[in-house]
């Protein structure tokens, strides 16, 4: 355990950030799973409606540091491609 006051504070801050990042990541994964389920069911209309909300959640997770920028972009690209295949 840390003895220095600033180190103790840093431990508290790191824990708060870890919890916040886990919340953003979890919510993002939930939206992605929901969208993947719509894609598996070949529901093109429902998937197209759910895509903007999913992208918004991914961007929020990236913005707050829960997910790396490239991972978020890769996930958005993958989902968009799959939805475009449904429409074709």
PDB file of N, CA and C in Angstrom:
ATOM      1  N   UNK A   1       0.847  -1.185   0.000  1.00  0.00           N
ATOM      2  CA  UNK A   1       0.000   0.000   0.000  1.00  0.00           C
ATOM      3  C   UNK A   1       0.887   1.242   0.000  1.00  0.00           C
ATOM      4  N   UNK A   2       0.434   2.249  -0.682  1.00  0.00           N
ATOM      5  CA  UNK A   2       1.210   3.485  -0.805  1.00  0.00           C
ATOM      6  C   UNK A   2       1.224   4.267   0.507  1.00  0.00           C
ATOM      7  N   UNK A   3       2.343   4.925   0.759  1.00  0.00           N
ATOM      8  CA  UNK A   3       2.477   5.754   1.959  1.00  0.00           C
ATOM      9  C   UNK A   3       2.344   7.237   1.646  1.00  0.00           C
ATOM     10  N   UNK A   4       2.709   7.616   0.436  1.00  0.00           N
ATOM     11  CA  UNK A   4       2.712   9.022   0.052  1.00  0.00           C
ATOM     12  C   UNK A   4       1.294   9.452  -0.317  1.00  0.00           C
ATOM     13  N   UNK A   5       0.931  10.646   0.107  1.00  0.00           N
ATOM     14  CA  UNK A   5      -0.435  11.147  -0.090  1.00  0.00           C
ATOM     15  C   UNK A   5      -0.822  11.169  -1.574  1.00  0.00           C
ATOM     16  N   UNK A   6       0.088  11.643  -2.428  1.00  0.00           N
ATOM     17  CA  UNK A   6      -0.233  11.727  -3.858  1.00  0.00           C
ATOM     18  C   UNK A   6      -0.395  10.332  -4.470  1.00  0.00           C
ATOM     19  N   UNK A   7       0.357   9.352  -3.979  1.00  0.00           N
ATOM     20  CA  UNK A   7       0.228   7.982  -4.473  1.00  0.00           C
ATOM     21  C   UNK A   7      -1.108   7.375  -4.062  1.00  0.00           C
ATOM     22  N   UNK A   8      -1.547   7.694  -2.831  1.00  0.00           N
ATOM     23  CA  UNK A   8      -2.858   7.220  -2.370  1.00  0.00           C
ATOM     24  C   UNK A   8      -3.974   7.824  -3.228  1.00  0.00           C
ATOM     25  N   UNK A   9      -3.834   9.107  -3.519  1.00  0.00           N
ATOM     26  CA  UNK A   9      -4.825   9.787  -4.360  1.00  0.00           C
ATOM     27  C   UNK A   9      -4.837   9.177  -5.758  1.00  0.00           C
ATOM     28  N   UNK A  10      -3.666   8.885  -6.306  1.00  0.00           N
ATOM     29  CA  UNK A  10      -3.553   8.302  -7.640  1.00  0.00           C
ATOM     30  C   UNK A  10      -4.244   6.940  -7.690  1.00  0.00           C
ATOM     31  N   UNK A  11      -4.119   6.149  -6.612  1.00  0.00           N
ATOM     32  CA  UNK A  11      -4.787   4.843  -6.546  1.00  0.00           C
ATOM     33  C   UNK A  11      -6.301   5.018  -6.616  1.00  0.00           C
ATOM     34  N   UNK A  12      -6.819   6.000  -5.868  1.00  0.00           N
ATOM     35  CA  UNK A  12      -8.263   6.265  -5.888  1.00  0.00           C
ATOM     36  C   UNK A  12      -8.730   6.695  -7.271  1.00  0.00           C
ATOM     37  N   UNK A  13      -7.981   7.589  -7.889  1.00  0.00           N
ATOM     38  CA  UNK A  13      -8.348   8.092  -9.216  1.00  0.00           C
ATOM     39  C   UNK A  13      -8.309   6.973 -10.253  1.00  0.00           C
ATOM     40  N   UNK A  14      -7.272   6.140 -10.184  1.00  0.00           N
ATOM     41  CA  UNK A  14      -7.161   5.022 -11.126  1.00  0.00           C
ATOM     42  C   UNK A  14      -8.340   4.071 -10.999  1.00  0.00           C
ATOM     43  N   UNK A  15      -8.777   3.826  -9.784  1.00  0.00           N
ATOM     44  CA  UNK A  15      -9.913   2.928  -9.565  1.00  0.00           C
ATOM     45  C   UNK A  15     -11.200   3.531 -10.135  1.00  0.00           C
ATOM     46  N   UNK A  16     -11.414   4.835  -9.916  1.00  0.00           N
ATOM     47  CA  UNK A  16     -12.596   5.497 -10.478  1.00  0.00           C
ATOM     48  C   UNK A  16     -12.579   5.428 -12.001  1.00  0.00           C
ATOM     49  N   UNK A  17     -11.408   5.678 -12.588  1.00  0.00           N
ATOM     50  CA  UNK A  17     -11.287   5.629 -14.045  1.00  0.00           C
ATOM     51  C   UNK A  17     -11.519   4.220 -14.574  1.00  0.00           C
ATOM     52  N   UNK A  18     -11.019   3.218 -13.859  1.00  0.00           N
ATOM     53  CA  UNK A  18     -11.198   1.834 -14.285  1.00  0.00           C
ATOM     54  C   UNK A  18     -12.678   1.474 -14.311  1.00  0.00           C
ATOM     55  N   UNK A  19     -13.403   1.878 -13.276  1.00  0.00           N
ATOM     56  CA  UNK A  19     -14.836   1.588 -13.209  1.00  0.00           C
ATOM     57  C   UNK A  19     -15.582   2.315 -14.322  1.00  0.00           C
ATOM     58  N   UNK A  20     -15.241   3.589 -14.548  1.00  0.00           N
ATOM     59  CA  UNK A  20     -15.891   4.365 -15.606  1.00  0.00           C
ATOM     60  C   UNK A  20     -15.632   3.740 -16.972  1.00  0.00           C
ATOM     61  N   UNK A  21     -14.385   3.358 -17.231  1.00  0.00           N
ATOM     62  CA  UNK A  21     -14.049   2.744 -18.507  1.00  0.00           C
ATOM     63  C   UNK A  21     -14.774   1.422 -18.690  1.00  0.00           C
ATOM     64  N   UNK A  22     -14.910   0.650 -17.616  1.00  0.00           N
ATOM     65  CA  UNK A  22     -15.617  -0.625 -17.697  1.00  0.00           C
ATOM     66  C   UNK A  22     -17.084  -0.399 -18.050  1.00  0.00           C
ATOM     67  N   UNK A  23     -17.677   0.660 -17.531  1.00  0.00           N
ATOM     68  CA  UNK A  23     -19.077   0.959 -17.850  1.00  0.00           C
ATOM     69  C   UNK A  23     -19.244   1.300 -19.327  1.00  0.00           C
ATOM     70  N   UNK A  24     -18.360   2.159 -19.839  1.00  0.00           N
ATOM     71  CA  UNK A  24     -18.443   2.521 -21.259  1.00  0.00           C
ATOM     72  C   UNK A  24     -18.224   1.302 -22.147  1.00  0.00           C
ATOM     73  N   UNK A  25     -17.252   0.476 -21.784  1.00  0.00           N
ATOM     74  CA  UNK A  25     -16.930  -0.714 -22.570  1.00  0.00           C
ATOM     75  C   UNK A  25     -18.091  -1.697 -22.563  1.00  0.00           C
ATOM     76  N   UNK A  26     -18.692  -1.899 -21.389  1.00  0.00           N
ATOM     77  CA  UNK A  26     -19.793  -2.833 -21.249  1.00  0.00           C
ATOM     78  C   UNK A  26     -20.995  -2.387 -22.068  1.00  0.00           C
ATOM     79  N   UNK A  27     -21.315  -1.100 -21.982  1.00  0.00           N
ATOM     80  CA  UNK A  27     -22.450  -0.577 -22.737  1.00  0.00           C
ATOM     81  C   UNK A  27     -22.193  -0.702 -24.237  1.00  0.00           C
ATOM     82  N   UNK A  28     -20.969  -0.421 -24.653  1.00  0.00           N
ATOM     83  CA  UNK A  28     -20.604  -0.547 -26.059  1.00  0.00           C
ATOM     84  C   UNK A  28     -20.781  -1.989 -26.530  1.00  0.00           C
ATOM     85  N   UNK A  29     -20.292  -2.941 -25.740  1.00  0.00           N
ATOM     86  CA  UNK A  29     -20.412  -4.354 -26.112  1.00  0.00           C
ATOM     87  C   UNK A  29     -21.861  -4.796 -26.199  1.00  0.00           C
ATOM     88  N   UNK A  30     -22.700  -4.285 -25.301  1.00  0.00           N
ATOM     89  CA  UNK A  30     -24.123  -4.629 -25.320  1.00  0.00           C
ATOM     90  C   UNK A  30     -24.763  -4.174 -26.626  1.00  0.00           C
ATOM     91  N   UNK A  31     -24.471  -2.942 -27.038  1.00  0.00           N
ATOM     92  CA  UNK A  31     -25.022  -2.432 -28.291  1.00  0.00           C
ATOM     93  C   UNK A  31     -24.503  -3.218 -29.482  1.00  0.00           C
ATOM     94  N   UNK A  32     -23.225  -3.594 -29.452  1.00  0.00           N
ATOM     95  CA  UNK A  32     -22.644  -4.367 -30.557  1.00  0.00           C
ATOM     96  C   UNK A  32     -23.302  -5.741 -30.640  1.00  0.00           C
ATOM     97  N   UNK A  33     -23.506  -6.384 -29.491  1.00  0.00           N
ATOM     98  CA  UNK A  33     -24.150  -7.705 -29.485  1.00  0.00           C
ATOM     99  C   UNK A  33     -25.575  -7.618 -30.015  1.00  0.00           C
ATOM    100  N   UNK A  34     -26.279  -6.557 -29.627  1.00  0.00           N
ATOM    101  CA  UNK A  34     -27.649  -6.366 -30.112  1.00  0.00           C
ATOM    102  C   UNK A  34     -27.657  -6.209 -31.632  1.00  0.00           C
ATOM    103  N   UNK A  35     -26.715  -5.407 -32.150  1.00  0.00           N
ATOM    104  CA  UNK A  35     -26.631  -5.194 -33.595  1.00  0.00           C
ATOM    105  C   UNK A  35     -26.225  -6.470 -34.314  1.00  0.00           C
ATOM    106  N   UNK A  36     -25.285  -7.231 -33.748  1.00  0.00           N
ATOM    107  CA  UNK A  36     -24.885  -8.511 -34.352  1.00  0.00           C
ATOM    108  C   UNK A  36     -26.059  -9.481 -34.420  1.00  0.00           C
ATOM    109  N   UNK A  37     -26.904  -9.447 -33.387  1.00  0.00           N
ATOM    110  CA  UNK A  37     -28.077 -10.331 -33.382  1.00  0.00           C
ATOM    111  C   UNK A  37     -29.030  -9.951 -34.519  1.00  0.00           C
ATOM    112  N   UNK A  38     -29.224  -8.643 -34.728  1.00  0.00           N
ATOM    113  CA  UNK A  38     -30.086  -8.195 -35.829  1.00  0.00           C
ATOM    114  C   UNK A  38     -29.494  -8.601 -37.180  1.00  0.00           C
ATOM    115  N   UNK A  39     -28.182  -8.532 -37.302  1.00  0.00           N
ATOM    116  CA  UNK A  39     -27.523  -8.925 -38.547  1.00  0.00           C
ATOM    117  C   UNK A  39     -27.695 -10.422 -38.786  1.00  0.00           C
ATOM    118  N   UNK A  40     -27.548 -11.218 -37.737  1.00  0.00           N
ATOM    119  CA  UNK A  40     -27.712 -12.673 -37.868  1.00  0.00           C
ATOM    120  C   UNK A  40     -29.137 -13.038 -38.279  1.00  0.00           C
ATOM    121  N   UNK A  41     -30.103 -12.231 -37.851  1.00  0.00           N
ATOM    122  CA  UNK A  41     -31.503 -12.482 -38.198  1.00  0.00           C
ATOM    123  C   UNK A  41     -31.866 -11.914 -39.564  1.00  0.00           C
ATOM    124  N   UNK A  42     -30.899 -11.326 -40.262  1.00  0.00           N
ATOM    125  CA  UNK A  42     -31.107 -10.707 -41.583  1.00  0.00           C
ATOM    126  C   UNK A  42     -32.159  -9.605 -41.540  1.00  0.00           C
ATOM    127  N   UNK A  43     -32.201  -8.872 -40.438  1.00  0.00           N
ATOM    128  CA  UNK A  43     -33.130  -7.750 -40.275  1.00  0.00           C
ATOM    129  C   UNK A  43     -32.406  -6.470 -40.701  1.00  0.00           C
ATOM    130  N   UNK A  44     -32.430  -6.188 -42.008  1.00  0.00           N
ATOM    131  CA  UNK A  44     -31.678  -5.056 -42.546  1.00  0.00           C
ATOM    132  C   UNK A  44     -32.202  -3.727 -42.010  1.00  0.00           C
ATOM    133  N   UNK A  45     -33.528  -3.580 -41.951  1.00  0.00           N
ATOM    134  CA  UNK A  45     -34.112  -2.319 -41.495  1.00  0.00           C
ATOM    135  C   UNK A  45     -33.775  -2.055 -40.030  1.00  0.00           C
ATOM    136  N   UNK A  46     -33.962  -3.063 -39.201  1.00  0.00           N
ATOM    137  CA  UNK A  46     -33.659  -2.911 -37.779  1.00  0.00           C
ATOM    138  C   UNK A  46     -32.184  -2.629 -37.540  1.00  0.00           C
ATOM    139  N   UNK A  47     -31.326  -3.288 -38.316  1.00  0.00           N
ATOM    140  CA  UNK A  47     -29.883  -3.090 -38.168  1.00  0.00           C
ATOM    141  C   UNK A  47     -29.490  -1.679 -38.582  1.00  0.00           C
ATOM    142  N   UNK A  48     -30.089  -1.183 -39.661  1.00  0.00           N
ATOM    143  CA  UNK A  48     -29.766   0.177 -40.123  1.00  0.00           C
ATOM    144  C   UNK A  48     -30.211   1.221 -39.100  1.00  0.00           C
ATOM    145  N   UNK A  49     -31.319   0.948 -38.422  1.00  0.00           N
ATOM    146  CA  UNK A  49     -31.792   1.877 -37.392  1.00  0.00           C
ATOM    147  C   UNK A  49     -30.904   1.824 -36.149  1.00  0.00           C
ATOM    148  N   UNK A  50     -30.380   0.639 -35.816  1.00  0.00           N
ATOM    149  CA  UNK A  50     -29.577   0.477 -34.603  1.00  0.00           C
ATOM    150  C   UNK A  50     -28.122   0.914 -34.801  1.00  0.00           C
ATOM    151  N   UNK A  51     -27.665   0.987 -36.052  1.00  0.00           N
ATOM    152  CA  UNK A  51     -26.257   1.313 -36.317  1.00  0.00           C
ATOM    153  C   UNK A  51     -25.829   2.673 -35.772  1.00  0.00           C
ATOM    154  N   UNK A  52     -26.570   3.761 -35.978  1.00  0.00           N
ATOM    155  CA  UNK A  52     -26.113   5.057 -35.457  1.00  0.00           C
ATOM    156  C   UNK A  52     -25.935   5.076 -33.937  1.00  0.00           C
ATOM    157  N   UNK A  53     -26.855   4.423 -33.212  1.00  0.00           N
ATOM    158  CA  UNK A  53     -26.725   4.377 -31.755  1.00  0.00           C
ATOM    159  C   UNK A  53     -25.503   3.573 -31.339  1.00  0.00           C
ATOM    160  N   UNK A  54     -25.236   2.490 -32.059  1.00  0.00           N
ATOM    161  CA  UNK A  54     -24.068   1.665 -31.749  1.00  0.00           C
ATOM    162  C   UNK A  54     -22.788   2.433 -32.016  1.00  0.00           C
ATOM    163  N   UNK A  55     -22.736   3.144 -33.130  1.00  0.00           N
ATOM    164  CA  UNK A  55     -21.553   3.941 -33.459  1.00  0.00           C
ATOM    165  C   UNK A  55     -21.349   5.032 -32.410  1.00  0.00           C
ATOM    166  N   UNK A  56     -22.438   5.613 -31.946  1.00  0.00           N
ATOM    167  CA  UNK A  56     -22.355   6.641 -30.913  1.00  0.00           C
ATOM    168  C   UNK A  56     -21.747   6.072 -29.628  1.00  0.00           C
ATOM    169  N   UNK A  57     -22.167   4.871 -29.241  1.00  0.00           N
ATOM    170  CA  UNK A  57     -21.633   4.244 -28.030  1.00  0.00           C
ATOM    171  C   UNK A  57     -20.156   3.898 -28.200  1.00  0.00           C
ATOM    172  N   UNK A  58     -19.768   3.435 -29.389  1.00  0.00           N
ATOM    173  CA  UNK A  58     -18.363   3.127 -29.652  1.00  0.00           C
ATOM    174  C   UNK A  58     -17.533   4.402 -29.557  1.00  0.00           C
ATOM    175  N   UNK A  59     -18.015   5.479 -30.167  1.00  0.00           N
ATOM    176  CA  UNK A  59     -17.287   6.748 -30.123  1.00  0.00           C
ATOM    177  C   UNK A  59     -17.151   7.268 -28.695  1.00  0.00           C
ATOM    178  N   UNK A  60     -18.189   7.089 -27.879  1.00  0.00           N
ATOM    179  CA  UNK A  60     -18.132   7.528 -26.485  1.00  0.00           C
ATOM    180  C   UNK A  60     -17.074   6.743 -25.714  1.00  0.00           C
ATOM    181  N   UNK A  61     -17.017   5.433 -25.963  1.00  0.00           N
ATOM    182  CA  UNK A  61     -16.019   4.603 -25.280  1.00  0.00           C
ATOM    183  C   UNK A  61     -14.608   5.003 -25.700  1.00  0.00           C
ATOM    184  N   UNK A  62     -14.431   5.339 -26.975  1.00  0.00           N
ATOM    185  CA  UNK A  62     -13.123   5.786 -27.466  1.00  0.00           C
ATOM    186  C   UNK A  62     -12.778   7.142 -26.857  1.00  0.00           C
ATOM    187  N   UNK A  63     -13.732   8.038 -26.830  1.00  0.00           N
ATOM    188  CA  UNK A  63     -13.520   9.393 -26.325  1.00  0.00           C
ATOM    189  C   UNK A  63     -13.074   9.383 -24.873  1.00  0.00           C
ATOM    190  N   UNK A  64     -13.630   8.479 -24.080  1.00  0.00           N
ATOM    191  CA  UNK A  64     -13.313   8.431 -22.656  1.00  0.00           C
ATOM    192  C   UNK A  64     -12.145   7.501 -22.342  1.00  0.00           C
ATOM    193  N   UNK A  65     -11.556   6.917 -23.371  1.00  0.00           N
ATOM    194  CA  UNK A  65     -10.356   6.119 -23.167  1.00  0.00           C
ATOM    195  C   UNK A  65     -10.609   4.675 -22.787  1.00  0.00           C
ATOM    196  N   UNK A  66     -11.840   4.215 -22.853  1.00  0.00           N
ATOM    197  CA  UNK A  66     -12.141   2.825 -22.529  1.00  0.00           C
ATOM    198  C   UNK A  66     -11.694   1.865 -23.601  1.00  0.00           C
ATOM    199  N   UNK A  67     -11.634   2.362 -24.846  1.00  0.00           N
ATOM    200  CA  UNK A  67     -11.246   1.548 -25.992  1.00  0.00           C
ATOM    201  C   UNK A  67     -10.283   2.364 -26.838  1.00  0.00           C
ATOM    202  N   UNK A  68      -9.319   1.699 -27.441  1.00  0.00           N
ATOM    203  CA  UNK A  68      -8.370   2.397 -28.308  1.00  0.00           C
ATOM    204  C   UNK A  68      -9.083   2.873 -29.572  1.00  0.00           C
ATOM    205  N   UNK A  69      -8.605   3.979 -30.129  1.00  0.00           N
ATOM    206  CA  UNK A  69      -9.226   4.589 -31.305  1.00  0.00           C
ATOM    207  C   UNK A  69      -9.301   3.610 -32.476  1.00  0.00           C
ATOM    208  N   UNK A  70      -8.213   2.886 -32.725  1.00  0.00           N
ATOM    209  CA  UNK A  70      -8.199   1.954 -33.858  1.00  0.00           C
ATOM    210  C   UNK A  70      -9.172   0.803 -33.655  1.00  0.00           C
ATOM    211  N   UNK A  71      -9.305   0.330 -32.434  1.00  0.00           N
ATOM    212  CA  UNK A  71     -10.251  -0.749 -32.140  1.00  0.00           C
ATOM    213  C   UNK A  71     -11.678  -0.288 -32.396  1.00  0.00           C
ATOM    214  N   UNK A  72     -11.979   0.930 -31.987  1.00  0.00           N
ATOM    215  CA  UNK A  72     -13.313   1.478 -32.218  1.00  0.00           C
ATOM    216  C   UNK A  72     -13.603   1.637 -33.699  1.00  0.00           C
ATOM    217  N   UNK A  73     -12.627   2.154 -34.440  1.00  0.00           N
ATOM    218  CA  UNK A  73     -12.818   2.328 -35.880  1.00  0.00           C
ATOM    219  C   UNK A  73     -12.963   0.988 -36.589  1.00  0.00           C
ATOM    220  N   UNK A  74     -12.191  -0.006 -36.160  1.00  0.00           N
ATOM    221  CA  UNK A  74     -12.280  -1.339 -36.761  1.00  0.00           C
ATOM    222  C   UNK A  74     -13.659  -1.936 -36.526  1.00  0.00           C
ATOM    223  N   UNK A  75     -14.184  -1.764 -35.317  1.00  0.00           N
ATOM    224  CA  UNK A  75     -15.496  -2.304 -34.980  1.00  0.00           C
ATOM    225  C   UNK A  75     -16.596  -1.612 -35.793  1.00  0.00           C
ATOM    226  N   UNK A  76     -16.509  -0.288 -35.914  1.00  0.00           N
ATOM    227  CA  UNK A  76     -17.502   0.454 -36.704  1.00  0.00           C
ATOM    228  C   UNK A  76     -17.464   0.014 -38.162  1.00  0.00           C
ATOM    229  N   UNK A  77     -16.272  -0.158 -38.692  1.00  0.00           N
ATOM    230  CA  UNK A  77     -16.117  -0.574 -40.084  1.00  0.00           C
ATOM    231  C   UNK A  77     -16.702  -1.963 -40.303  1.00  0.00           C
ATOM    232  N   UNK A  78     -16.403  -2.873 -39.390  1.00  0.00           N
ATOM    233  CA  UNK A  78     -16.895  -4.247 -39.513  1.00  0.00           C
ATOM    234  C   UNK A  78     -18.427  -4.282 -39.506  1.00  0.00           C
ATOM    235  N   UNK A  79     -19.032  -3.553 -38.585  1.00  0.00           N
ATOM    236  CA  UNK A  79     -20.491  -3.544 -38.486  1.00  0.00           C
ATOM    237  C   UNK A  79     -21.128  -2.915 -39.725  1.00  0.00           C
ATOM    238  N   UNK A  80     -20.544  -1.819 -40.193  1.00  0.00           N
ATOM    239  CA  UNK A  80     -21.081  -1.144 -41.375  1.00  0.00           C
ATOM    240  C   UNK A  80     -21.009  -2.047 -42.601  1.00  0.00           C
ATOM    241  N   UNK A  81     -19.889  -2.745 -42.760  1.00  0.00           N
ATOM    242  CA  UNK A  81     -19.739  -3.669 -43.895  1.00  0.00           C
ATOM    243  C   UNK A  81     -20.785  -4.770 -43.848  1.00  0.00           C
ATOM    244  N   UNK A  82     -21.004  -5.338 -42.675  1.00  0.00           N
ATOM    245  CA  UNK A  82     -21.984  -6.423 -42.553  1.00  0.00           C
ATOM    246  C   UNK A  82     -23.396  -5.931 -42.869  1.00  0.00           C
ATOM    247  N   UNK A  83     -23.728  -4.726 -42.453  1.00  0.00           N
ATOM    248  CA  UNK A  83     -25.049  -4.174 -42.730  1.00  0.00           C
ATOM    249  C   UNK A  83     -25.194  -3.893 -44.225  1.00  0.00           C
ATOM    250  N   UNK A  84     -24.125  -3.397 -44.846  1.00  0.00           N
ATOM    251  CA  UNK A  84     -24.176  -3.142 -46.288  1.00  0.00           C
ATOM    252  C   UNK A  84     -24.358  -4.423 -47.072  1.00  0.00           C
ATOM    253  N   UNK A  85     -23.809  -5.538 -46.587  1.00  0.00           N
ATOM    254  CA  UNK A  85     -24.010  -6.840 -47.249  1.00  0.00           C
ATOM    255  C   UNK A  85     -25.461  -7.243 -47.190  1.00  0.00           C
ATOM    256  N   UNK A  86     -26.131  -6.921 -46.079  1.00  0.00           N
ATOM    257  CA  UNK A  86     -27.558  -7.276 -45.946  1.00  0.00           C
ATOM    258  C   UNK A  86     -28.391  -6.557 -46.989  1.00  0.00           C
ATOM    259  N   UNK A  87     -28.071  -5.288 -47.218  1.00  0.00           N
ATOM    260  CA  UNK A  87     -28.847  -4.481 -48.164  1.00  0.00           C
ATOM    261  C   UNK A  87     -28.636  -4.880 -49.602  1.00  0.00           C
ATOM    262  N   UNK A  88     -27.492  -5.486 -49.905  1.00  0.00           N
ATOM    263  CA  UNK A  88     -27.160  -5.839 -51.299  1.00  0.00           C
ATOM    264  C   UNK A  88     -27.818  -7.100 -51.763  1.00  0.00           C
TER     265      UNK A  88
END
